[in-house]
PDB file of N, CA and C in Angstrom:
ATOM      1  N   MET A   1      64.420 -40.076  38.961  1.00  0.00           N
ATOM      2  CA  MET A   1      64.911 -39.774  37.625  1.00  0.00           C
ATOM      3  C   MET A   1      64.343 -38.455  37.125  1.00  0.00           C
ATOM      4  N   LEU A   2      63.066 -38.212  37.452  1.00  0.00           N
ATOM      5  CA  LEU A   2      62.429 -36.980  37.026  1.00  0.00           C
ATOM      6  C   LEU A   2      63.093 -35.767  37.661  1.00  0.00           C
ATOM      7  N   SER A   3      63.469 -35.871  38.937  1.00  0.00           N
ATOM      8  CA  SER A   3      64.088 -34.724  39.610  1.00  0.00           C
ATOM      9  C   SER A   3      65.434 -34.375  38.968  1.00  0.00           C
ATOM     10  N   VAL A   4      66.169 -35.371  38.507  1.00  0.00           N
ATOM     11  CA  VAL A   4      67.447 -35.111  37.826  1.00  0.00           C
ATOM     12  C   VAL A   4      67.182 -34.346  36.539  1.00  0.00           C
ATOM     13  N   ARG A   5      66.149 -34.750  35.821  1.00  0.00           N
ATOM     14  CA  ARG A   5      65.808 -34.061  34.573  1.00  0.00           C
ATOM     15  C   ARG A   5      65.363 -32.622  34.848  1.00  0.00           C
ATOM     16  N   LEU A   6      64.592 -32.414  35.914  1.00  0.00           N
ATOM     17  CA  LEU A   6      64.144 -31.066  36.259  1.00  0.00           C
ATOM     18  C   LEU A   6      65.321 -30.166  36.608  1.00  0.00           C
ATOM     19  N   VAL A   7      66.287 -30.701  37.326  1.00  0.00           N
ATOM     20  CA  VAL A   7      67.480 -29.916  37.674  1.00  0.00           C
ATOM     21  C   VAL A   7      68.252 -29.556  36.409  1.00  0.00           C
ATOM     22  N   ALA A   8      68.409 -30.520  35.518  1.00  0.00           N
ATOM     23  CA  ALA A   8      69.123 -30.269  34.260  1.00  0.00           C
ATOM     24  C   ALA A   8      68.387 -29.228  33.428  1.00  0.00           C
ATOM     25  N   CYS A   9      67.056 -29.328  33.375  1.00  0.00           N
ATOM     26  CA  CYS A   9      66.263 -28.368  32.611  1.00  0.00           C
ATOM     27  C   CYS A   9      66.344 -26.983  33.227  1.00  0.00           C
ATOM     28  N   SER A  10      66.337 -26.900  34.550  1.00  0.00           N
ATOM     29  CA  SER A  10      66.397 -25.588  35.198  1.00  0.00           C
ATOM     30  C   SER A  10      67.743 -24.914  34.931  1.00  0.00           C
ATOM     31  N   CYS A  11      68.816 -25.694  34.839  1.00  0.00           N
ATOM     32  CA  CYS A  11      70.125 -25.120  34.511  1.00  0.00           C
ATOM     33  C   CYS A  11      70.121 -24.578  33.085  1.00  0.00           C
ATOM     34  N   CYS A  12      69.529 -25.331  32.148  1.00  0.00           N
ATOM     35  CA  CYS A  12      69.430 -24.881  30.757  1.00  0.00           C
ATOM     36  C   CYS A  12      68.532 -23.662  30.663  1.00  0.00           C
ATOM     37  N   PHE A  13      67.475 -23.657  31.455  1.00  0.00           N
ATOM     38  CA  PHE A  13      66.511 -22.564  31.418  1.00  0.00           C
ATOM     39  C   PHE A  13      67.156 -21.251  31.835  1.00  0.00           C
ATOM     40  N   GLY A  14      68.043 -21.291  32.802  1.00  0.00           N
ATOM     41  CA  GLY A  14      68.729 -20.082  33.234  1.00  0.00           C
ATOM     42  C   GLY A  14      69.461 -19.409  32.091  1.00  0.00           C
ATOM     43  N   ALA A  15      70.072 -20.197  31.241  1.00  0.00           N
ATOM     44  CA  ALA A  15      70.811 -19.653  30.100  1.00  0.00           C
ATOM     45  C   ALA A  15      69.872 -19.117  29.028  1.00  0.00           C
ATOM     46  N   LYS A  16      68.684 -19.706  28.891  1.00  0.00           N
ATOM     47  CA  LYS A  16      67.742 -19.304  27.853  1.00  0.00           C
ATOM     48  C   LYS A  16      66.800 -18.192  28.301  1.00  0.00           C
ATOM     49  N   ARG A  17      66.822 -17.839  29.565  1.00  0.00           N
ATOM     50  CA  ARG A  17      65.859 -16.883  30.115  1.00  0.00           C
ATOM     51  C   ARG A  17      65.835 -15.555  29.368  1.00  0.00           C
ATOM     52  N   LYS A  18      66.972 -15.071  28.945  1.00  0.00           N
ATOM     53  CA  LYS A  18      67.035 -13.778  28.262  1.00  0.00           C
ATOM     54  C   LYS A  18      66.313 -13.798  26.919  1.00  0.00           C
ATOM     55  N   GLY A  19      66.203 -14.953  26.300  1.00  0.00           N
ATOM     56  CA  GLY A  19      65.542 -15.068  24.999  1.00  0.00           C
ATOM     57  C   GLY A  19      64.045 -15.246  25.077  1.00  0.00           C
ATOM     58  N   LEU A  20      63.497 -15.367  26.269  1.00  0.00           N
ATOM     59  CA  LEU A  20      62.055 -15.576  26.432  1.00  0.00           C
ATOM     60  C   LEU A  20      61.358 -14.266  26.761  1.00  0.00           C
ATOM     61  N   SER A  21      60.076 -14.206  26.438  1.00  0.00           N
ATOM     62  CA  SER A  21      59.303 -13.015  26.784  1.00  0.00           C
ATOM     63  C   SER A  21      59.000 -13.015  28.285  1.00  0.00           C
ATOM     64  N   GLN A  22      58.399 -11.924  28.776  1.00  0.00           N
ATOM     65  CA  GLN A  22      58.150 -11.797  30.211  1.00  0.00           C
ATOM     66  C   GLN A  22      57.221 -12.903  30.719  1.00  0.00           C
ATOM     67  N   PHE A  23      56.171 -13.202  29.955  1.00  0.00           N
ATOM     68  CA  PHE A  23      55.242 -14.266  30.321  1.00  0.00           C
ATOM     69  C   PHE A  23      55.308 -15.340  29.244  1.00  0.00           C
ATOM     70  N   GLU A  24      55.898 -16.441  29.574  1.00  0.00           N
ATOM     71  CA  GLU A  24      56.149 -17.497  28.591  1.00  0.00           C
ATOM     72  C   GLU A  24      55.684 -18.836  29.158  1.00  0.00           C
ATOM     73  N   ASP A  25      55.026 -19.641  28.335  1.00  0.00           N
ATOM     74  CA  ASP A  25      54.658 -20.999  28.724  1.00  0.00           C
ATOM     75  C   ASP A  25      55.869 -21.891  28.527  1.00  0.00           C
ATOM     76  N   VAL A  26      56.339 -22.490  29.608  1.00  0.00           N
ATOM     77  CA  VAL A  26      57.470 -23.401  29.540  1.00  0.00           C
ATOM     78  C   VAL A  26      56.981 -24.752  30.035  1.00  0.00           C
ATOM     79  N   LEU A  27      56.905 -25.708  29.133  1.00  0.00           N
ATOM     80  CA  LEU A  27      56.318 -27.007  29.442  1.00  0.00           C
ATOM     81  C   LEU A  27      57.401 -28.031  29.761  1.00  0.00           C
ATOM     82  N   PHE A  28      57.046 -29.025  30.534  1.00  0.00           N
ATOM     83  CA  PHE A  28      57.924 -30.140  30.847  1.00  0.00           C
ATOM     84  C   PHE A  28      57.395 -31.382  30.142  1.00  0.00           C
ATOM     85  N   ALA A  29      58.154 -31.932  29.237  1.00  0.00           N
ATOM     86  CA  ALA A  29      57.733 -33.142  28.531  1.00  0.00           C
ATOM     87  C   ALA A  29      57.550 -34.286  29.520  1.00  0.00           C
ATOM     88  N   GLY A  30      56.585 -35.113  29.252  1.00  0.00           N
ATOM     89  CA  GLY A  30      56.330 -36.257  30.120  1.00  0.00           C
ATOM     90  C   GLY A  30      55.253 -36.009  31.158  1.00  0.00           C
ATOM     91  N   HIS A  31      54.781 -34.790  31.273  1.00  0.00           N
ATOM     92  CA  HIS A  31      53.722 -34.491  32.230  1.00  0.00           C
ATOM     93  C   HIS A  31      52.364 -34.605  31.549  1.00  0.00           C
ATOM     94  N   THR A  32      51.973 -35.818  31.205  1.00  0.00           N
ATOM     95  CA  THR A  32      50.679 -36.059  30.580  1.00  0.00           C
ATOM     96  C   THR A  32      49.991 -37.203  31.293  1.00  0.00           C
ATOM     97  N   LEU A  33      48.691 -37.244  31.158  1.00  0.00           N
ATOM     98  CA  LEU A  33      47.891 -38.292  31.781  1.00  0.00           C
ATOM     99  C   LEU A  33      46.960 -38.900  30.757  1.00  0.00           C
ATOM    100  N   THR A  34      46.661 -40.164  30.927  1.00  0.00           N
ATOM    101  CA  THR A  34      45.617 -40.821  30.154  1.00  0.00           C
ATOM    102  C   THR A  34      44.616 -41.397  31.143  1.00  0.00           C
ATOM    103  N   ALA A  35      43.473 -41.786  30.637  1.00  0.00           N
ATOM    104  CA  ALA A  35      42.460 -42.382  31.509  1.00  0.00           C
ATOM    105  C   ALA A  35      43.004 -43.644  32.182  1.00  0.00           C
ATOM    106  N   LEU A  36      43.817 -44.402  31.458  1.00  0.00           N
ATOM    107  CA  LEU A  36      44.365 -45.636  32.025  1.00  0.00           C
ATOM    108  C   LEU A  36      45.370 -45.358  33.143  1.00  0.00           C
ATOM    109  N   THR A  37      46.184 -44.318  32.989  1.00  0.00           N
ATOM    110  CA  THR A  37      47.136 -44.008  34.061  1.00  0.00           C
ATOM    111  C   THR A  37      46.414 -43.473  35.294  1.00  0.00           C
ATOM    112  N   ILE A  38      45.365 -42.692  35.081  1.00  0.00           N
ATOM    113  CA  ILE A  38      44.574 -42.204  36.222  1.00  0.00           C
ATOM    114  C   ILE A  38      43.924 -43.381  36.934  1.00  0.00           C
ATOM    115  N   LYS A  39      43.334 -44.303  36.156  1.00  0.00           N
ATOM    116  CA  LYS A  39      42.690 -45.474  36.749  1.00  0.00           C
ATOM    117  C   LYS A  39      43.698 -46.324  37.518  1.00  0.00           C
ATOM    118  N   SER A  40      44.872 -46.544  36.953  1.00  0.00           N
ATOM    119  CA  SER A  40      45.865 -47.386  37.623  1.00  0.00           C
ATOM    120  C   SER A  40      46.325 -46.767  38.937  1.00  0.00           C
ATOM    121  N   GLU A  41      46.446 -45.440  38.985  1.00  0.00           N
ATOM    122  CA  GLU A  41      46.824 -44.773  40.233  1.00  0.00           C
ATOM    123  C   GLU A  41      45.711 -44.871  41.276  1.00  0.00           C
ATOM    124  N   ILE A  42      44.462 -44.744  40.838  1.00  0.00           N
ATOM    125  CA  ILE A  42      43.336 -44.890  41.771  1.00  0.00           C
ATOM    126  C   ILE A  42      43.298 -46.303  42.332  1.00  0.00           C
ATOM    127  N   VAL A  43      43.500 -47.301  41.475  1.00  0.00           N
ATOM    128  CA  VAL A  43      43.533 -48.700  41.920  1.00  0.00           C
ATOM    129  C   VAL A  43      44.673 -48.916  42.905  1.00  0.00           C
ATOM    130  N   ARG A  44      45.826 -48.343  42.620  1.00  0.00           N
ATOM    131  CA  ARG A  44      46.980 -48.485  43.507  1.00  0.00           C
ATOM    132  C   ARG A  44      46.713 -47.857  44.875  1.00  0.00           C
ATOM    133  N   ILE A  45      46.106 -46.675  44.887  1.00  0.00           N
ATOM    134  CA  ILE A  45      45.843 -45.985  46.140  1.00  0.00           C
ATOM    135  C   ILE A  45      44.753 -46.683  46.953  1.00  0.00           C
ATOM    136  N   LEU A  46      43.664 -47.080  46.279  1.00  0.00           N
ATOM    137  CA  LEU A  46      42.547 -47.727  46.981  1.00  0.00           C
ATOM    138  C   LEU A  46      42.799 -49.194  47.292  1.00  0.00           C
ATOM    139  N   GLU A  47      43.788 -49.773  46.602  1.00  0.00           N
ATOM    140  CA  GLU A  47      44.126 -51.190  46.753  1.00  0.00           C
ATOM    141  C   GLU A  47      42.939 -52.104  46.470  1.00  0.00           C
ATOM    142  N   ARG A  48      42.155 -51.734  45.459  1.00  0.00           N
ATOM    143  CA  ARG A  48      41.049 -52.565  44.981  1.00  0.00           C
ATOM    144  C   ARG A  48      40.726 -52.163  43.549  1.00  0.00           C
ATOM    145  N   GLU A  49      40.029 -53.034  42.836  1.00  0.00           N
ATOM    146  CA  GLU A  49      39.668 -52.748  41.450  1.00  0.00           C
ATOM    147  C   GLU A  49      38.611 -51.650  41.391  1.00  0.00           C
ATOM    148  N   VAL A  50      38.665 -50.875  40.327  1.00  0.00           N
ATOM    149  CA  VAL A  50      37.718 -49.790  40.111  1.00  0.00           C
ATOM    150  C   VAL A  50      37.062 -50.011  38.755  1.00  0.00           C
ATOM    151  N   LYS A  51      35.746 -49.847  38.711  1.00  0.00           N
ATOM    152  CA  LYS A  51      35.018 -50.021  37.458  1.00  0.00           C
ATOM    153  C   LYS A  51      34.983 -48.690  36.707  1.00  0.00           C
ATOM    154  N   CYS A  52      35.367 -48.721  35.449  1.00  0.00           N
ATOM    155  CA  CYS A  52      35.307 -47.531  34.596  1.00  0.00           C
ATOM    156  C   CYS A  52      34.276 -47.769  33.497  1.00  0.00           C
ATOM    157  N   VAL A  53      33.454 -46.778  33.278  1.00  0.00           N
ATOM    158  CA  VAL A  53      32.451 -46.869  32.209  1.00  0.00           C
ATOM    159  C   VAL A  53      32.701 -45.743  31.213  1.00  0.00           C
ATOM    160  N   GLN A  54      32.216 -45.953  30.008  1.00  0.00           N
ATOM    161  CA  GLN A  54      32.413 -44.954  28.966  1.00  0.00           C
ATOM    162  C   GLN A  54      31.545 -43.731  29.245  1.00  0.00           C
ATOM    163  N   PHE A  55      32.072 -42.543  28.957  1.00  0.00           N
ATOM    164  CA  PHE A  55      31.332 -41.303  29.162  1.00  0.00           C
ATOM    165  C   PHE A  55      30.155 -41.245  28.203  1.00  0.00           C
ATOM    166  N   LEU A  56      29.027 -40.759  28.672  1.00  0.00           N
ATOM    167  CA  LEU A  56      27.823 -40.678  27.848  1.00  0.00           C
ATOM    168  C   LEU A  56      27.818 -39.370  27.047  1.00  0.00           C
ATOM    169  N   TRP A  57      28.478 -39.401  25.902  1.00  0.00           N
ATOM    170  CA  TRP A  57      28.550 -38.215  25.054  1.00  0.00           C
ATOM    171  C   TRP A  57      27.176 -37.831  24.525  1.00  0.00           C
ATOM    172  N   SER A  58      26.275 -38.792  24.436  1.00  0.00           N
ATOM    173  CA  SER A  58      24.925 -38.504  23.932  1.00  0.00           C
ATOM    174  C   SER A  58      24.201 -37.500  24.828  1.00  0.00           C
ATOM    175  N   VAL A  59      24.481 -37.529  26.121  1.00  0.00           N
ATOM    176  CA  VAL A  59      23.864 -36.567  27.045  1.00  0.00           C
ATOM    177  C   VAL A  59      24.303 -35.147  26.685  1.00  0.00           C
ATOM    178  N   LEU A  60      25.566 -34.982  26.348  1.00  0.00           N
ATOM    179  CA  LEU A  60      26.051 -33.660  25.947  1.00  0.00           C
ATOM    180  C   LEU A  60      25.431 -33.211  24.628  1.00  0.00           C
ATOM    181  N   ARG A  61      25.259 -34.142  23.708  1.00  0.00           N
ATOM    182  CA  ARG A  61      24.640 -33.781  22.429  1.00  0.00           C
ATOM    183  C   ARG A  61      23.201 -33.329  22.620  1.00  0.00           C
ATOM    184  N   VAL A  62      22.479 -33.986  23.508  1.00  0.00           N
ATOM    185  CA  VAL A  62      21.075 -33.643  23.750  1.00  0.00           C
ATOM    186  C   VAL A  62      20.954 -32.294  24.458  1.00  0.00           C
ATOM    187  N   THR A  63      21.847 -32.021  25.399  1.00  0.00           N
ATOM    188  CA  THR A  63      21.753 -30.782  26.172  1.00  0.00           C
ATOM    189  C   THR A  63      22.461 -29.594  25.514  1.00  0.00           C
ATOM    190  N   ALA A  64      23.190 -29.829  24.437  1.00  0.00           N
ATOM    191  CA  ALA A  64      23.949 -28.759  23.779  1.00  0.00           C
ATOM    192  C   ALA A  64      23.101 -27.556  23.356  1.00  0.00           C
ATOM    193  N   PRO A  65      21.865 -27.729  22.863  1.00  0.00           N
ATOM    194  CA  PRO A  65      21.089 -26.549  22.457  1.00  0.00           C
ATOM    195  C   PRO A  65      20.768 -25.572  23.603  1.00  0.00           C
ATOM    196  N   VAL A  66      20.751 -26.062  24.834  1.00  0.00           N
ATOM    197  CA  VAL A  66      20.384 -25.198  25.961  1.00  0.00           C
ATOM    198  C   VAL A  66      21.526 -24.962  26.944  1.00  0.00           C
ATOM    199  N   CYS A  67      22.636 -25.663  26.770  1.00  0.00           N
ATOM    200  CA  CYS A  67      23.750 -25.550  27.716  1.00  0.00           C
ATOM    201  C   CYS A  67      25.043 -25.237  26.957  1.00  0.00           C
ATOM    202  N   GLU A  68      25.594 -24.057  27.221  1.00  0.00           N
ATOM    203  CA  GLU A  68      26.804 -23.640  26.526  1.00  0.00           C
ATOM    204  C   GLU A  68      27.988 -24.558  26.822  1.00  0.00           C
ATOM    205  N   LEU A  69      28.112 -25.008  28.078  1.00  0.00           N
ATOM    206  CA  LEU A  69      29.207 -25.904  28.445  1.00  0.00           C
ATOM    207  C   LEU A  69      29.139 -27.198  27.641  1.00  0.00           C
ATOM    208  N   ALA A  70      27.934 -27.738  27.457  1.00  0.00           N
ATOM    209  CA  ALA A  70      27.774 -28.970  26.674  1.00  0.00           C
ATOM    210  C   ALA A  70      28.213 -28.746  25.228  1.00  0.00           C
ATOM    211  N   ARG A  71      27.883 -27.584  24.666  1.00  0.00           N
ATOM    212  CA  ARG A  71      28.314 -27.269  23.293  1.00  0.00           C
ATOM    213  C   ARG A  71      29.833 -27.222  23.202  1.00  0.00           C
ATOM    214  N   GLU A  72      30.457 -26.561  24.165  1.00  0.00           N
ATOM    215  CA  GLU A  72      31.921 -26.432  24.150  1.00  0.00           C
ATOM    216  C   GLU A  72      32.598 -27.792  24.331  1.00  0.00           C
ATOM    217  N   LEU A  73      32.070 -28.615  25.226  1.00  0.00           N
ATOM    218  CA  LEU A  73      32.655 -29.944  25.432  1.00  0.00           C
ATOM    219  C   LEU A  73      32.497 -30.819  24.204  1.00  0.00           C
ATOM    220  N   ASN A  74      31.388 -30.675  23.484  1.00  0.00           N
ATOM    221  CA  ASN A  74      31.210 -31.417  22.231  1.00  0.00           C
ATOM    222  C   ASN A  74      32.247 -31.004  21.203  1.00  0.00           C
ATOM    223  N   GLU A  75      32.620 -29.725  21.190  1.00  0.00           N
ATOM    224  CA  GLU A  75      33.620 -29.248  20.233  1.00  0.00           C
ATOM    225  C   GLU A  75      34.999 -29.848  20.478  1.00  0.00           C
ATOM    226  N   ILE A  76      35.342 -30.082  21.727  1.00  0.00           N
ATOM    227  CA  ILE A  76      36.683 -30.604  22.036  1.00  0.00           C
ATOM    228  C   ILE A  76      36.659 -32.104  22.360  1.00  0.00           C
ATOM    229  N   ARG A  77      35.577 -32.773  22.021  1.00  0.00           N
ATOM    230  CA  ARG A  77      35.458 -34.207  22.294  1.00  0.00           C
ATOM    231  C   ARG A  77      36.592 -35.009  21.651  1.00  0.00           C
ATOM    232  N   TYR A  78      37.031 -34.609  20.476  1.00  0.00           N
ATOM    233  CA  TYR A  78      38.079 -35.346  19.766  1.00  0.00           C
ATOM    234  C   TYR A  78      39.370 -35.441  20.583  1.00  0.00           C
ATOM    235  N   LEU A  79      39.598 -34.490  21.478  1.00  0.00           N
ATOM    236  CA  LEU A  79      40.829 -34.511  22.274  1.00  0.00           C
ATOM    237  C   LEU A  79      40.878 -35.709  23.222  1.00  0.00           C
ATOM    238  N   TRP A  80      39.714 -36.200  23.634  1.00  0.00           N
ATOM    239  CA  TRP A  80      39.675 -37.327  24.561  1.00  0.00           C
ATOM    240  C   TRP A  80      40.269 -38.583  23.933  1.00  0.00           C
ATOM    241  N   SER A  81      40.068 -38.758  22.642  1.00  0.00           N
ATOM    242  CA  SER A  81      40.564 -39.970  21.980  1.00  0.00           C
ATOM    243  C   SER A  81      41.832 -39.726  21.169  1.00  0.00           C
ATOM    244  N   THR A  82      42.415 -38.539  21.257  1.00  0.00           N
ATOM    245  CA  THR A  82      43.641 -38.217  20.530  1.00  0.00           C
ATOM    246  C   THR A  82      44.813 -38.224  21.502  1.00  0.00           C
ATOM    247  N   ASP A  83      45.845 -38.978  21.166  1.00  0.00           N
ATOM    248  CA  ASP A  83      47.051 -38.971  21.996  1.00  0.00           C
ATOM    249  C   ASP A  83      47.742 -37.623  21.870  1.00  0.00           C
ATOM    250  N   HIS A  84      48.188 -37.077  22.975  1.00  0.00           N
ATOM    251  CA  HIS A  84      48.913 -35.817  22.937  1.00  0.00           C
ATOM    252  C   HIS A  84      49.922 -35.789  24.078  1.00  0.00           C
ATOM    253  N   ALA A  85      50.905 -34.934  23.928  1.00  0.00           N
ATOM    254  CA  ALA A  85      51.953 -34.808  24.938  1.00  0.00           C
ATOM    255  C   ALA A  85      52.480 -33.373  24.941  1.00  0.00           C
ATOM    256  N   LEU A  86      53.072 -32.981  26.028  1.00  0.00           N
ATOM    257  CA  LEU A  86      53.664 -31.654  26.134  1.00  0.00           C
ATOM    258  C   LEU A  86      55.048 -31.658  25.500  1.00  0.00           C
ATOM    259  N   SER A  87      55.423 -30.547  24.917  1.00  0.00           N
ATOM    260  CA  SER A  87      56.736 -30.428  24.284  1.00  0.00           C
ATOM    261  C   SER A  87      57.595 -29.459  25.094  1.00  0.00           C
ATOM    262  N   ASP A  88      58.819 -29.860  25.391  1.00  0.00           N
ATOM    263  CA  ASP A  88      59.733 -29.003  26.140  1.00  0.00           C
ATOM    264  C   ASP A  88      60.761 -28.330  25.236  1.00  0.00           C
ATOM    265  N   ILE A  89      60.373 -28.045  23.994  1.00  0.00           N
ATOM    266  CA  ILE A  89      61.296 -27.483  23.009  1.00  0.00           C
ATOM    267  C   ILE A  89      61.826 -26.110  23.448  1.00  0.00           C
ATOM    268  N   ARG A  90      61.022 -25.328  24.149  1.00  0.00           N
ATOM    269  CA  ARG A  90      61.484 -24.006  24.596  1.00  0.00           C
ATOM    270  C   ARG A  90      62.388 -24.111  25.814  1.00  0.00           C
ATOM    271  N   LEU A  91      62.305 -25.219  26.503  1.00  0.00           N
ATOM    272  CA  LEU A  91      63.067 -25.376  27.727  1.00  0.00           C
ATOM    273  C   LEU A  91      64.476 -25.911  27.458  1.00  0.00           C
ATOM    274  N   ILE A  92      64.579 -26.819  26.517  1.00  0.00           N
ATOM    275  CA  ILE A  92      65.863 -27.488  26.258  1.00  0.00           C
ATOM    276  C   ILE A  92      66.581 -26.826  25.104  1.00  0.00           C
TER     277      ILE A  92
END
């Protein structure tokens, strides 16, 4: 089903190409992942249950004063618990 949608989008994209800039982000809706979908795929591939534990955000908070990466990850922590999806508004 996805391949049919990609073909349809590529046909529409050909017509819209002239209206886009030289370097344009063109997203495909539906290409998103959640922790649960990643876990379910791992379980399916391994054919056994996998234990998932919560990420220790406290470690990042403690190391943030000396580690730039920890500071940056703390800033975008809200994205982990916020639902989001890609929009194909420029494509369709």
